[in-house]
């Protein structure tokens, strides 16, 4: 899973120009994203754990995934971390592979912390490198390709034998998708993509996702409050929150603002409180209590904000700040503790 020197050099020379992507490629990431199966945790876990990608920190090092267990999310400081050298359930990698690890493998990590993937797939249609991915309601895996495309690997393909896979659906759009990064489905089955270079959020309808092509997105959000947008997440009220790596802010848009194309101002803009609470944020997620967790790409920190801090613009001090985490982490998610 470790990228070779030549592979890293090829990525560094890739055609993208944005500052966050230059950092992203230069970091020699081995693992980009995980989808930890299910939102509920085993009874012994006392709630879900927070998972984050742990990239390779340079030549000769190996990336993995970090599990931060529930107790360590309750206090500020350097949390206990359980590092899995390979992964958790489904992982997309920078060299366009998809890896599957079974629950049994994850439960046996004390004995075998570096399990061989139960399945390996290679995306033969990749135009660039895989960054984010998300499952739809039919358990098809959608992969964001920063070569201005998105690919669907169907549930049937994921259940098949290992080997090269031609995606069931590939959607390309070099006009509206420029270095797309992360994916998110809304409750209606529409797919939202954050487009890094042009600072847009792009929505494809569920109907447009059924066949390959270059459809025109019915909704494009081009707000001035978007600056190198990264991971997105919906809160319990349906507001969409976005991490901005370019100006170190986190912003939200209401459902009404997302219903049609335009350049609406963000209803809430959160900034750094002066302590580095938001410093190149690129990953974010909500927990079951509607608390917002934000990962800072260049500092290896996590900031947690309570629901009451998310109602108005400002620079609130996080309720919790976790430190000494891996640099250059991409997406984060809550999932079972193992």
C-alpha atoms as a PDB file:
ATOM      1  CA  UNK A   1       0.000   0.000   0.000  1.00  0.00           C
ATOM      2  CA  UNK A   2       3.010   2.221   0.160  1.00  0.00           C
ATOM      3  CA  UNK A   3       3.540   4.323  -2.955  1.00  0.00           C
ATOM      4  CA  UNK A   4       6.895   4.069  -4.683  1.00  0.00           C
ATOM      5  CA  UNK A   5       9.144   7.076  -5.230  1.00  0.00           C
ATOM      6  CA  UNK A   6       8.383   7.123  -8.954  1.00  0.00           C
ATOM      7  CA  UNK A   7       4.660   7.005  -8.254  1.00  0.00           C
ATOM      8  CA  UNK A   8       4.910   9.962  -5.870  1.00  0.00           C
ATOM      9  CA  UNK A   9       6.959  11.939  -8.355  1.00  0.00           C
ATOM     10  CA  UNK A  10       4.383  11.288 -11.048  1.00  0.00           C
ATOM     11  CA  UNK A  11       1.637  12.557  -8.774  1.00  0.00           C
ATOM     12  CA  UNK A  12       3.583  15.661  -7.828  1.00  0.00           C
ATOM     13  CA  UNK A  13       3.899  16.446 -11.523  1.00  0.00           C
ATOM     14  CA  UNK A  14       0.167  15.993 -12.085  1.00  0.00           C
ATOM     15  CA  UNK A  15      -1.636  18.843 -13.790  1.00  0.00           C
ATOM     16  CA  UNK A  16      -3.320  20.448 -10.762  1.00  0.00           C
ATOM     17  CA  UNK A  17      -2.357  23.884  -9.477  1.00  0.00           C
ATOM     18  CA  UNK A  18      -4.237  24.536  -6.222  1.00  0.00           C
ATOM     19  CA  UNK A  19      -2.232  24.874  -3.025  1.00  0.00           C
ATOM     20  CA  UNK A  20      -4.078  22.195  -1.067  1.00  0.00           C
ATOM     21  CA  UNK A  21      -3.668  19.646  -3.855  1.00  0.00           C
ATOM     22  CA  UNK A  22       0.055  20.380  -4.135  1.00  0.00           C
ATOM     23  CA  UNK A  23       0.338  19.571  -0.418  1.00  0.00           C
ATOM     24  CA  UNK A  24      -1.895  16.552  -0.918  1.00  0.00           C
ATOM     25  CA  UNK A  25       0.242  15.057  -3.648  1.00  0.00           C
ATOM     26  CA  UNK A  26       3.542  15.923  -2.025  1.00  0.00           C
ATOM     27  CA  UNK A  27       2.495  14.073   1.128  1.00  0.00           C
ATOM     28  CA  UNK A  28       2.819  10.665  -0.602  1.00  0.00           C
ATOM     29  CA  UNK A  29      -0.528   9.549   0.732  1.00  0.00           C
ATOM     30  CA  UNK A  30      -1.054   5.822   0.842  1.00  0.00           C
ATOM     31  CA  UNK A  31      -4.664   5.795   2.040  1.00  0.00           C
ATOM     32  CA  UNK A  32      -7.302   8.338   1.220  1.00  0.00           C
ATOM     33  CA  UNK A  33     -10.622   7.340   2.695  1.00  0.00           C
ATOM     34  CA  UNK A  34     -12.450   4.647   4.529  1.00  0.00           C
ATOM     35  CA  UNK A  35     -16.065   3.696   4.810  1.00  0.00           C
ATOM     36  CA  UNK A  36     -16.466   2.059   8.203  1.00  0.00           C
ATOM     37  CA  UNK A  37     -19.519  -0.130   7.945  1.00  0.00           C
ATOM     38  CA  UNK A  38     -22.554   1.025   9.871  1.00  0.00           C
ATOM     39  CA  UNK A  39     -23.198   3.893  12.238  1.00  0.00           C
ATOM     40  CA  UNK A  40     -23.786   1.781  15.330  1.00  0.00           C
ATOM     41  CA  UNK A  41     -21.011   0.267  17.384  1.00  0.00           C
ATOM     42  CA  UNK A  42     -20.686  -3.025  19.273  1.00  0.00           C
ATOM     43  CA  UNK A  43     -22.010  -2.846  22.827  1.00  0.00           C
ATOM     44  CA  UNK A  44     -18.507  -2.876  24.300  1.00  0.00           C
ATOM     45  CA  UNK A  45     -17.504   0.182  22.298  1.00  0.00           C
ATOM     46  CA  UNK A  46     -19.599   2.676  24.327  1.00  0.00           C
ATOM     47  CA  UNK A  47     -20.420   4.561  21.162  1.00  0.00           C
ATOM     48  CA  UNK A  48     -18.806   4.885  17.745  1.00  0.00           C
ATOM     49  CA  UNK A  49     -15.127   5.597  17.217  1.00  0.00           C
ATOM     50  CA  UNK A  50     -13.766   8.346  14.999  1.00  0.00           C
ATOM     51  CA  UNK A  51     -11.804   7.055  12.016  1.00  0.00           C
ATOM     52  CA  UNK A  52      -9.375   9.016   9.888  1.00  0.00           C
ATOM     53  CA  UNK A  53      -6.963   8.274   7.070  1.00  0.00           C
ATOM     54  CA  UNK A  54      -3.340   8.074   8.199  1.00  0.00           C
ATOM     55  CA  UNK A  55      -1.149   8.953   5.223  1.00  0.00           C
ATOM     56  CA  UNK A  56       2.379   7.932   4.549  1.00  0.00           C
ATOM     57  CA  UNK A  57       4.557  10.714   5.935  1.00  0.00           C
ATOM     58  CA  UNK A  58       7.189  10.369   3.225  1.00  0.00           C
ATOM     59  CA  UNK A  59       9.401   7.919   1.412  1.00  0.00           C
ATOM     60  CA  UNK A  60       9.938   4.680   3.313  1.00  0.00           C
ATOM     61  CA  UNK A  61       6.896   5.072   5.582  1.00  0.00           C
ATOM     62  CA  UNK A  62       3.600   3.225   5.433  1.00  0.00           C
ATOM     63  CA  UNK A  63       0.150   4.753   5.681  1.00  0.00           C
ATOM     64  CA  UNK A  64      -2.819   3.262   7.443  1.00  0.00           C
ATOM     65  CA  UNK A  65      -5.968   4.202   9.303  1.00  0.00           C
ATOM     66  CA  UNK A  66      -6.361   5.691  12.755  1.00  0.00           C
ATOM     67  CA  UNK A  67      -9.160   4.710  15.131  1.00  0.00           C
ATOM     68  CA  UNK A  68      -9.746   7.158  17.986  1.00  0.00           C
ATOM     69  CA  UNK A  69     -11.891   5.317  20.494  1.00  0.00           C
ATOM     70  CA  UNK A  70     -14.893   6.920  22.212  1.00  0.00           C
ATOM     71  CA  UNK A  71     -13.293   7.751  25.553  1.00  0.00           C
ATOM     72  CA  UNK A  72     -10.433   9.637  23.935  1.00  0.00           C
ATOM     73  CA  UNK A  73     -12.908  11.908  22.160  1.00  0.00           C
ATOM     74  CA  UNK A  74     -14.163  13.280  25.474  1.00  0.00           C
ATOM     75  CA  UNK A  75     -11.048  15.236  26.477  1.00  0.00           C
ATOM     76  CA  UNK A  76      -8.716  17.671  24.764  1.00  0.00           C
ATOM     77  CA  UNK A  77      -5.066  16.846  24.151  1.00  0.00           C
ATOM     78  CA  UNK A  78      -3.187  14.010  22.470  1.00  0.00           C
ATOM     79  CA  UNK A  79      -5.627  11.078  22.196  1.00  0.00           C
ATOM     80  CA  UNK A  80      -4.834   7.397  22.304  1.00  0.00           C
ATOM     81  CA  UNK A  81      -4.685   6.128  18.733  1.00  0.00           C
ATOM     82  CA  UNK A  82      -5.065   2.632  17.361  1.00  0.00           C
ATOM     83  CA  UNK A  83      -3.236   2.449  14.056  1.00  0.00           C
ATOM     84  CA  UNK A  84      -4.285  -0.119  11.494  1.00  0.00           C
ATOM     85  CA  UNK A  85      -1.566  -0.422   8.907  1.00  0.00           C
ATOM     86  CA  UNK A  86      -3.997  -1.601   6.263  1.00  0.00           C
ATOM     87  CA  UNK A  87      -7.559  -0.460   6.778  1.00  0.00           C
ATOM     88  CA  UNK A  88     -11.188  -0.770   7.784  1.00  0.00           C
ATOM     89  CA  UNK A  89     -13.859  -2.384   5.620  1.00  0.00           C
ATOM     90  CA  UNK A  90     -13.531  -0.432   2.331  1.00  0.00           C
ATOM     91  CA  UNK A  91     -10.615   1.831   1.464  1.00  0.00           C
ATOM     92  CA  UNK A  92      -9.811   3.734  -1.728  1.00  0.00           C
ATOM     93  CA  UNK A  93      -6.152   4.410  -2.360  1.00  0.00           C
ATOM     94  CA  UNK A  94      -4.159   7.011  -4.224  1.00  0.00           C
ATOM     95  CA  UNK A  95      -3.135   4.501  -6.903  1.00  0.00           C
ATOM     96  CA  UNK A  96      -6.808   3.799  -7.732  1.00  0.00           C
ATOM     97  CA  UNK A  97      -7.172   0.547  -5.880  1.00  0.00           C
ATOM     98  CA  UNK A  98     -10.097  -0.446  -3.673  1.00  0.00           C
ATOM     99  CA  UNK A  99      -9.372  -2.677  -0.696  1.00  0.00           C
ATOM    100  CA  UNK A 100     -11.809  -4.657   1.437  1.00  0.00           C
ATOM    101  CA  UNK A 101     -11.150  -5.869   4.982  1.00  0.00           C
ATOM    102  CA  UNK A 102     -13.639  -8.123   6.745  1.00  0.00           C
ATOM    103  CA  UNK A 103     -15.040  -7.529  10.253  1.00  0.00           C
ATOM    104  CA  UNK A 104     -13.266 -10.701  11.345  1.00  0.00           C
ATOM    105  CA  UNK A 105      -9.924  -9.278  10.239  1.00  0.00           C
ATOM    106  CA  UNK A 106     -10.606  -6.059  12.123  1.00  0.00           C
ATOM    107  CA  UNK A 107     -11.565  -7.895  15.301  1.00  0.00           C
ATOM    108  CA  UNK A 108      -8.275  -9.815  15.167  1.00  0.00           C
ATOM    109  CA  UNK A 109      -5.953  -6.832  14.834  1.00  0.00           C
ATOM    110  CA  UNK A 110      -4.297  -7.449  18.196  1.00  0.00           C
ATOM    111  CA  UNK A 111      -2.873 -10.629  16.680  1.00  0.00           C
ATOM    112  CA  UNK A 112      -2.545  -9.486  13.065  1.00  0.00           C
ATOM    113  CA  UNK A 113      -2.375  -5.673  12.800  1.00  0.00           C
ATOM    114  CA  UNK A 114      -1.520  -5.813   9.092  1.00  0.00           C
ATOM    115  CA  UNK A 115      -4.086  -8.106   7.489  1.00  0.00           C
ATOM    116  CA  UNK A 116      -3.985  -8.962   3.808  1.00  0.00           C
ATOM    117  CA  UNK A 117      -7.059  -7.405   2.156  1.00  0.00           C
ATOM    118  CA  UNK A 118      -9.894  -9.851   1.680  1.00  0.00           C
ATOM    119  CA  UNK A 119     -10.350  -8.375  -1.796  1.00  0.00           C
ATOM    120  CA  UNK A 120      -8.416  -6.015  -4.037  1.00  0.00           C
ATOM    121  CA  UNK A 121      -9.827  -4.173  -7.027  1.00  0.00           C
ATOM    122  CA  UNK A 122      -8.219  -1.770  -9.464  1.00  0.00           C
ATOM    123  CA  UNK A 123     -10.258   0.942 -11.174  1.00  0.00           C
ATOM    124  CA  UNK A 124      -9.346   0.664 -14.854  1.00  0.00           C
ATOM    125  CA  UNK A 125     -11.260   3.838 -15.832  1.00  0.00           C
ATOM    126  CA  UNK A 126      -9.427   6.244 -13.519  1.00  0.00           C
ATOM    127  CA  UNK A 127      -8.401   9.501 -15.176  1.00  0.00           C
ATOM    128  CA  UNK A 128      -6.458  10.928 -12.248  1.00  0.00           C
ATOM    129  CA  UNK A 129      -6.179   9.738  -8.651  1.00  0.00           C
ATOM    130  CA  UNK A 130      -8.919   8.623  -6.269  1.00  0.00           C
ATOM    131  CA  UNK A 131      -9.573  10.939  -3.355  1.00  0.00           C
ATOM    132  CA  UNK A 132     -13.023  10.661  -1.750  1.00  0.00           C
ATOM    133  CA  UNK A 133     -15.679   7.975  -2.010  1.00  0.00           C
ATOM    134  CA  UNK A 134     -19.174   7.315  -0.712  1.00  0.00           C
ATOM    135  CA  UNK A 135     -21.778   4.565  -0.768  1.00  0.00           C
ATOM    136  CA  UNK A 136     -25.239   5.237  -2.157  1.00  0.00           C
ATOM    137  CA  UNK A 137     -28.416   3.731  -0.701  1.00  0.00           C
ATOM    138  CA  UNK A 138     -28.017   0.646  -2.912  1.00  0.00           C
ATOM    139  CA  UNK A 139     -24.496  -0.037  -1.571  1.00  0.00           C
ATOM    140  CA  UNK A 140     -22.830   0.991  -4.804  1.00  0.00           C
ATOM    141  CA  UNK A 141     -19.475   2.649  -4.190  1.00  0.00           C
ATOM    142  CA  UNK A 142     -18.905   6.034  -5.866  1.00  0.00           C
ATOM    143  CA  UNK A 143     -15.298   7.150  -6.219  1.00  0.00           C
ATOM    144  CA  UNK A 144     -14.200  10.728  -6.839  1.00  0.00           C
ATOM    145  CA  UNK A 145     -11.472  10.911  -9.480  1.00  0.00           C
ATOM    146  CA  UNK A 146      -9.556  14.185  -9.515  1.00  0.00           C
ATOM    147  CA  UNK A 147      -9.216  13.749 -13.264  1.00  0.00           C
ATOM    148  CA  UNK A 148     -12.660  15.437 -13.372  1.00  0.00           C
ATOM    149  CA  UNK A 149     -14.780  12.307 -13.120  1.00  0.00           C
ATOM    150  CA  UNK A 150     -16.785  10.144 -10.747  1.00  0.00           C
ATOM    151  CA  UNK A 151     -17.083   6.363 -11.008  1.00  0.00           C
ATOM    152  CA  UNK A 152     -19.629   3.889  -9.682  1.00  0.00           C
ATOM    153  CA  UNK A 153     -18.448   0.433  -8.641  1.00  0.00           C
ATOM    154  CA  UNK A 154     -21.664  -1.542  -8.278  1.00  0.00           C
ATOM    155  CA  UNK A 155     -22.536  -3.671  -5.275  1.00  0.00           C
ATOM    156  CA  UNK A 156     -22.381  -6.750  -7.509  1.00  0.00           C
ATOM    157  CA  UNK A 157     -18.877  -5.817  -8.659  1.00  0.00           C
ATOM    158  CA  UNK A 158     -17.750  -5.331  -5.058  1.00  0.00           C
ATOM    159  CA  UNK A 159     -19.061  -8.790  -4.221  1.00  0.00           C
ATOM    160  CA  UNK A 160     -17.152 -10.383  -7.099  1.00  0.00           C
ATOM    161  CA  UNK A 161     -13.650 -11.669  -7.500  1.00  0.00           C
ATOM    162  CA  UNK A 162     -10.592  -9.474  -7.072  1.00  0.00           C
ATOM    163  CA  UNK A 163      -8.966  -7.918 -10.104  1.00  0.00           C
ATOM    164  CA  UNK A 164      -9.369  -5.032 -12.554  1.00  0.00           C
ATOM    165  CA  UNK A 165     -12.811  -3.410 -12.597  1.00  0.00           C
ATOM    166  CA  UNK A 166     -14.383  -1.255 -15.279  1.00  0.00           C
ATOM    167  CA  UNK A 167     -16.853   0.938 -13.382  1.00  0.00           C
ATOM    168  CA  UNK A 168     -20.543   0.363 -14.002  1.00  0.00           C
ATOM    169  CA  UNK A 169     -20.965   4.126 -14.505  1.00  0.00           C
ATOM    170  CA  UNK A 170     -18.442   6.863 -15.234  1.00  0.00           C
ATOM    171  CA  UNK A 171     -19.505  10.503 -15.323  1.00  0.00           C
ATOM    172  CA  UNK A 172     -17.070  13.069 -16.669  1.00  0.00           C
ATOM    173  CA  UNK A 173     -17.411  16.831 -16.622  1.00  0.00           C
ATOM    174  CA  UNK A 174     -14.288  18.946 -17.081  1.00  0.00           C
ATOM    175  CA  UNK A 175     -16.313  22.185 -17.103  1.00  0.00           C
ATOM    176  CA  UNK A 176     -17.993  21.953 -13.712  1.00  0.00           C
ATOM    177  CA  UNK A 177     -15.675  19.440 -12.011  1.00  0.00           C
ATOM    178  CA  UNK A 178     -12.110  20.710 -11.686  1.00  0.00           C
ATOM    179  CA  UNK A 179     -10.085  18.575  -9.303  1.00  0.00           C
ATOM    180  CA  UNK A 180     -13.157  17.116  -7.603  1.00  0.00           C
ATOM    181  CA  UNK A 181     -12.345  15.853  -4.132  1.00  0.00           C
ATOM    182  CA  UNK A 182     -15.148  14.470  -1.981  1.00  0.00           C
ATOM    183  CA  UNK A 183     -18.623  13.000  -2.416  1.00  0.00           C
ATOM    184  CA  UNK A 184     -21.806  13.063  -0.352  1.00  0.00           C
ATOM    185  CA  UNK A 185     -25.325  11.756  -0.970  1.00  0.00           C
ATOM    186  CA  UNK A 186     -28.357  13.684   0.252  1.00  0.00           C
ATOM    187  CA  UNK A 187     -31.609  12.126   1.456  1.00  0.00           C
ATOM    188  CA  UNK A 188     -33.069  12.196  -2.083  1.00  0.00           C
ATOM    189  CA  UNK A 189     -30.184  10.215  -3.545  1.00  0.00           C
ATOM    190  CA  UNK A 190     -28.571  13.199  -5.272  1.00  0.00           C
ATOM    191  CA  UNK A 191     -24.778  13.181  -5.337  1.00  0.00           C
ATOM    192  CA  UNK A 192     -22.873  16.273  -4.191  1.00  0.00           C
ATOM    193  CA  UNK A 193     -19.236  16.742  -5.224  1.00  0.00           C
ATOM    194  CA  UNK A 194     -16.815  19.368  -3.911  1.00  0.00           C
ATOM    195  CA  UNK A 195     -14.758  20.774  -6.766  1.00  0.00           C
ATOM    196  CA  UNK A 196     -11.459  22.008  -5.440  1.00  0.00           C
ATOM    197  CA  UNK A 197      -9.962  24.192  -8.157  1.00  0.00           C
ATOM    198  CA  UNK A 198     -13.029  26.193  -9.156  1.00  0.00           C
ATOM    199  CA  UNK A 199     -14.472  26.398  -5.641  1.00  0.00           C
ATOM    200  CA  UNK A 200     -17.840  24.907  -6.580  1.00  0.00           C
ATOM    201  CA  UNK A 201     -20.255  22.423  -5.066  1.00  0.00           C
ATOM    202  CA  UNK A 202     -21.855  20.348  -7.816  1.00  0.00           C
ATOM    203  CA  UNK A 203     -25.026  18.286  -7.494  1.00  0.00           C
ATOM    204  CA  UNK A 204     -25.956  15.468  -9.860  1.00  0.00           C
ATOM    205  CA  UNK A 205     -29.508  14.148  -9.609  1.00  0.00           C
ATOM    206  CA  UNK A 206     -30.195  10.527  -8.788  1.00  0.00           C
ATOM    207  CA  UNK A 207     -31.557  10.046 -12.332  1.00  0.00           C
ATOM    208  CA  UNK A 208     -28.269  11.273 -13.843  1.00  0.00           C
ATOM    209  CA  UNK A 209     -26.315   8.590 -12.004  1.00  0.00           C
ATOM    210  CA  UNK A 210     -27.804   5.636 -13.864  1.00  0.00           C
ATOM    211  CA  UNK A 211     -25.603   5.762 -16.969  1.00  0.00           C
ATOM    212  CA  UNK A 212     -22.210   6.978 -18.119  1.00  0.00           C
ATOM    213  CA  UNK A 213     -21.884  10.325 -19.842  1.00  0.00           C
ATOM    214  CA  UNK A 214     -21.237  14.015 -19.291  1.00  0.00           C
ATOM    215  CA  UNK A 215     -24.505  15.376 -17.884  1.00  0.00           C
ATOM    216  CA  UNK A 216     -24.951  18.997 -16.884  1.00  0.00           C
ATOM    217  CA  UNK A 217     -25.430  19.272 -13.118  1.00  0.00           C
ATOM    218  CA  UNK A 218     -28.852  20.722 -12.254  1.00  0.00           C
ATOM    219  CA  UNK A 219     -27.346  22.594  -9.290  1.00  0.00           C
ATOM    220  CA  UNK A 220     -23.975  24.339  -9.050  1.00  0.00           C
ATOM    221  CA  UNK A 221     -23.187  26.394  -5.944  1.00  0.00           C
ATOM    222  CA  UNK A 222     -20.464  28.950  -6.654  1.00  0.00           C
ATOM    223  CA  UNK A 223     -20.527  31.028  -3.477  1.00  0.00           C
ATOM    224  CA  UNK A 224     -17.731  33.484  -2.726  1.00  0.00           C
ATOM    225  CA  UNK A 225     -17.570  31.761   0.662  1.00  0.00           C
ATOM    226  CA  UNK A 226     -16.195  28.598  -0.948  1.00  0.00           C
ATOM    227  CA  UNK A 227     -12.411  28.426  -1.210  1.00  0.00           C
ATOM    228  CA  UNK A 228     -10.840  25.064  -2.094  1.00  0.00           C
ATOM    229  CA  UNK A 229     -13.772  23.138  -0.607  1.00  0.00           C
ATOM    230  CA  UNK A 230     -13.137  19.719   0.882  1.00  0.00           C
ATOM    231  CA  UNK A 231     -15.312  17.298   2.797  1.00  0.00           C
ATOM    232  CA  UNK A 232     -19.011  18.064   3.213  1.00  0.00           C
ATOM    233  CA  UNK A 233     -21.603  16.916   5.754  1.00  0.00           C
ATOM    234  CA  UNK A 234     -25.291  17.512   6.427  1.00  0.00           C
ATOM    235  CA  UNK A 235     -26.392  18.422   9.948  1.00  0.00           C
ATOM    236  CA  UNK A 236     -29.646  17.209  11.510  1.00  0.00           C
ATOM    237  CA  UNK A 237     -31.549  20.160  10.002  1.00  0.00           C
ATOM    238  CA  UNK A 238     -30.367  19.490   6.460  1.00  0.00           C
ATOM    239  CA  UNK A 239     -27.851  22.328   6.333  1.00  0.00           C
ATOM    240  CA  UNK A 240     -24.758  21.491   4.306  1.00  0.00           C
ATOM    241  CA  UNK A 241     -21.405  22.188   5.989  1.00  0.00           C
ATOM    242  CA  UNK A 242     -18.191  22.464   3.995  1.00  0.00           C
ATOM    243  CA  UNK A 243     -14.531  22.654   5.024  1.00  0.00           C
ATOM    244  CA  UNK A 244     -12.564  25.324   3.123  1.00  0.00           C
ATOM    245  CA  UNK A 245      -8.868  24.489   2.914  1.00  0.00           C
ATOM    246  CA  UNK A 246      -8.062  27.658   0.958  1.00  0.00           C
ATOM    247  CA  UNK A 247      -9.031  30.190   3.637  1.00  0.00           C
ATOM    248  CA  UNK A 248      -9.279  27.991   6.755  1.00  0.00           C
ATOM    249  CA  UNK A 249     -13.004  28.365   7.321  1.00  0.00           C
ATOM    250  CA  UNK A 250     -15.994  26.085   7.724  1.00  0.00           C
ATOM    251  CA  UNK A 251     -19.261  27.291   6.176  1.00  0.00           C
ATOM    252  CA  UNK A 252     -22.878  26.179   5.943  1.00  0.00           C
ATOM    253  CA  UNK A 253     -25.725  26.553   3.458  1.00  0.00           C
ATOM    254  CA  UNK A 254     -29.430  26.019   4.094  1.00  0.00           C
ATOM    255  CA  UNK A 255     -31.584  23.548   2.137  1.00  0.00           C
ATOM    256  CA  UNK A 256     -33.270  26.493   0.385  1.00  0.00           C
ATOM    257  CA  UNK A 257     -29.895  27.824  -0.779  1.00  0.00           C
ATOM    258  CA  UNK A 258     -29.039  24.409  -2.208  1.00  0.00           C
ATOM    259  CA  UNK A 259     -32.238  24.004  -4.208  1.00  0.00           C
ATOM    260  CA  UNK A 260     -31.012  25.903  -7.296  1.00  0.00           C
ATOM    261  CA  UNK A 261     -27.781  27.063  -8.876  1.00  0.00           C
ATOM    262  CA  UNK A 262     -26.357  30.351  -7.657  1.00  0.00           C
ATOM    263  CA  UNK A 263     -23.792  32.072  -5.501  1.00  0.00           C
ATOM    264  CA  UNK A 264     -25.509  32.360  -2.118  1.00  0.00           C
ATOM    265  CA  UNK A 265     -23.591  33.725   0.863  1.00  0.00           C
ATOM    266  CA  UNK A 266     -22.971  31.128   3.538  1.00  0.00           C
ATOM    267  CA  UNK A 267     -25.402  31.451   6.424  1.00  0.00           C
ATOM    268  CA  UNK A 268     -22.675  30.613   8.944  1.00  0.00           C
ATOM    269  CA  UNK A 269     -18.918  31.121   8.542  1.00  0.00           C
ATOM    270  CA  UNK A 270     -16.612  29.753  11.242  1.00  0.00           C
ATOM    271  CA  UNK A 271     -13.011  30.923  11.428  1.00  0.00           C
ATOM    272  CA  UNK A 272      -9.877  30.222  13.431  1.00  0.00           C
ATOM    273  CA  UNK A 273      -9.975  31.407  17.050  1.00  0.00           C
ATOM    274  CA  UNK A 274      -6.286  32.372  16.931  1.00  0.00           C
ATOM    275  CA  UNK A 275      -4.999  29.082  18.285  1.00  0.00           C
ATOM    276  CA  UNK A 276      -4.969  27.161  15.012  1.00  0.00           C
ATOM    277  CA  UNK A 277      -8.403  25.699  15.688  1.00  0.00           C
ATOM    278  CA  UNK A 278      -9.040  25.878  11.934  1.00  0.00           C
ATOM    279  CA  UNK A 279      -5.863  25.536   9.898  1.00  0.00           C
ATOM    280  CA  UNK A 280      -6.319  24.206   6.361  1.00  0.00           C
ATOM    281  CA  UNK A 281      -9.425  22.217   7.359  1.00  0.00           C
ATOM    282  CA  UNK A 282     -10.220  19.545   4.806  1.00  0.00           C
ATOM    283  CA  UNK A 283     -12.210  16.863   6.600  1.00  0.00           C
ATOM    284  CA  UNK A 284     -15.361  17.169   8.684  1.00  0.00           C
ATOM    285  CA  UNK A 285     -18.193  15.049  10.012  1.00  0.00           C
ATOM    286  CA  UNK A 286     -21.046  15.173  12.529  1.00  0.00           C
ATOM    287  CA  UNK A 287     -21.513  12.772  15.411  1.00  0.00           C
ATOM    288  CA  UNK A 288     -24.873  11.451  16.599  1.00  0.00           C
ATOM    289  CA  UNK A 289     -25.347  14.491  18.879  1.00  0.00           C
ATOM    290  CA  UNK A 290     -24.965  16.953  15.981  1.00  0.00           C
ATOM    291  CA  UNK A 291     -21.513  18.034  17.147  1.00  0.00           C
ATOM    292  CA  UNK A 292     -19.175  19.010  14.339  1.00  0.00           C
ATOM    293  CA  UNK A 293     -15.680  17.527  14.117  1.00  0.00           C
ATOM    294  CA  UNK A 294     -13.124  19.140  11.796  1.00  0.00           C
ATOM    295  CA  UNK A 295      -9.699  17.756  10.847  1.00  0.00           C
ATOM    296  CA  UNK A 296      -6.900  20.192  10.049  1.00  0.00           C
ATOM    297  CA  UNK A 297      -4.818  18.976   7.138  1.00  0.00           C
ATOM    298  CA  UNK A 298      -1.450  20.609   7.842  1.00  0.00           C
ATOM    299  CA  UNK A 299      -1.373  20.526  11.660  1.00  0.00           C
ATOM    300  CA  UNK A 300      -2.623  17.050  12.574  1.00  0.00           C
ATOM    301  CA  UNK A 301      -5.372  18.333  14.866  1.00  0.00           C
ATOM    302  CA  UNK A 302      -9.106  17.808  15.334  1.00  0.00           C
ATOM    303  CA  UNK A 303     -11.552  20.457  16.568  1.00  0.00           C
ATOM    304  CA  UNK A 304     -15.011  19.712  17.989  1.00  0.00           C
ATOM    305  CA  UNK A 305     -17.818  22.281  17.988  1.00  0.00           C
ATOM    306  CA  UNK A 306     -21.074  21.994  19.910  1.00  0.00           C
ATOM    307  CA  UNK A 307     -24.452  22.615  18.239  1.00  0.00           C
ATOM    308  CA  UNK A 308     -24.785  25.969  19.979  1.00  0.00           C
ATOM    309  CA  UNK A 309     -21.568  27.163  18.359  1.00  0.00           C
ATOM    310  CA  UNK A 310     -22.911  26.475  14.882  1.00  0.00           C
ATOM    311  CA  UNK A 311     -25.783  28.942  14.804  1.00  0.00           C
ATOM    312  CA  UNK A 312     -23.952  32.206  14.038  1.00  0.00           C
ATOM    313  CA  UNK A 313     -20.768  33.266  12.275  1.00  0.00           C
ATOM    314  CA  UNK A 314     -17.658  33.835  14.351  1.00  0.00           C
ATOM    315  CA  UNK A 315     -14.455  32.290  15.631  1.00  0.00           C
ATOM    316  CA  UNK A 316     -15.548  30.097  18.535  1.00  0.00           C
ATOM    317  CA  UNK A 317     -13.067  28.161  20.609  1.00  0.00           C
ATOM    318  CA  UNK A 318     -13.673  24.443  20.055  1.00  0.00           C
ATOM    319  CA  UNK A 319     -15.250  22.440  22.860  1.00  0.00           C
ATOM    320  CA  UNK A 320     -12.463  19.895  22.414  1.00  0.00           C
ATOM    321  CA  UNK A 321      -9.125  20.019  20.576  1.00  0.00           C
ATOM    322  CA  UNK A 322      -7.217  16.825  19.785  1.00  0.00           C
ATOM    323  CA  UNK A 323      -3.539  17.035  18.886  1.00  0.00           C
ATOM    324  CA  UNK A 324      -0.573  14.949  17.715  1.00  0.00           C
ATOM    325  CA  UNK A 325      -2.549  13.238  14.975  1.00  0.00           C
ATOM    326  CA  UNK A 326      -1.104  12.362  11.556  1.00  0.00           C
ATOM    327  CA  UNK A 327      -0.577  15.218   9.124  1.00  0.00           C
ATOM    328  CA  UNK A 328      -2.343  15.367   5.757  1.00  0.00           C
ATOM    329  CA  UNK A 329      -5.389  13.349   6.783  1.00  0.00           C
ATOM    330  CA  UNK A 330      -8.235  13.523   4.277  1.00  0.00           C
ATOM    331  CA  UNK A 331     -11.772  12.434   5.160  1.00  0.00           C
ATOM    332  CA  UNK A 332     -12.970  11.458   8.616  1.00  0.00           C
ATOM    333  CA  UNK A 333     -16.005   9.430   9.680  1.00  0.00           C
ATOM    334  CA  UNK A 334     -17.636   7.804  12.684  1.00  0.00           C
ATOM    335  CA  UNK A 335     -17.902   4.032  12.680  1.00  0.00           C
ATOM    336  CA  UNK A 336     -17.686   0.930  14.893  1.00  0.00           C
ATOM    337  CA  UNK A 337     -14.939   0.481  17.425  1.00  0.00           C
ATOM    338  CA  UNK A 338     -12.772  -2.594  16.905  1.00  0.00           C
END
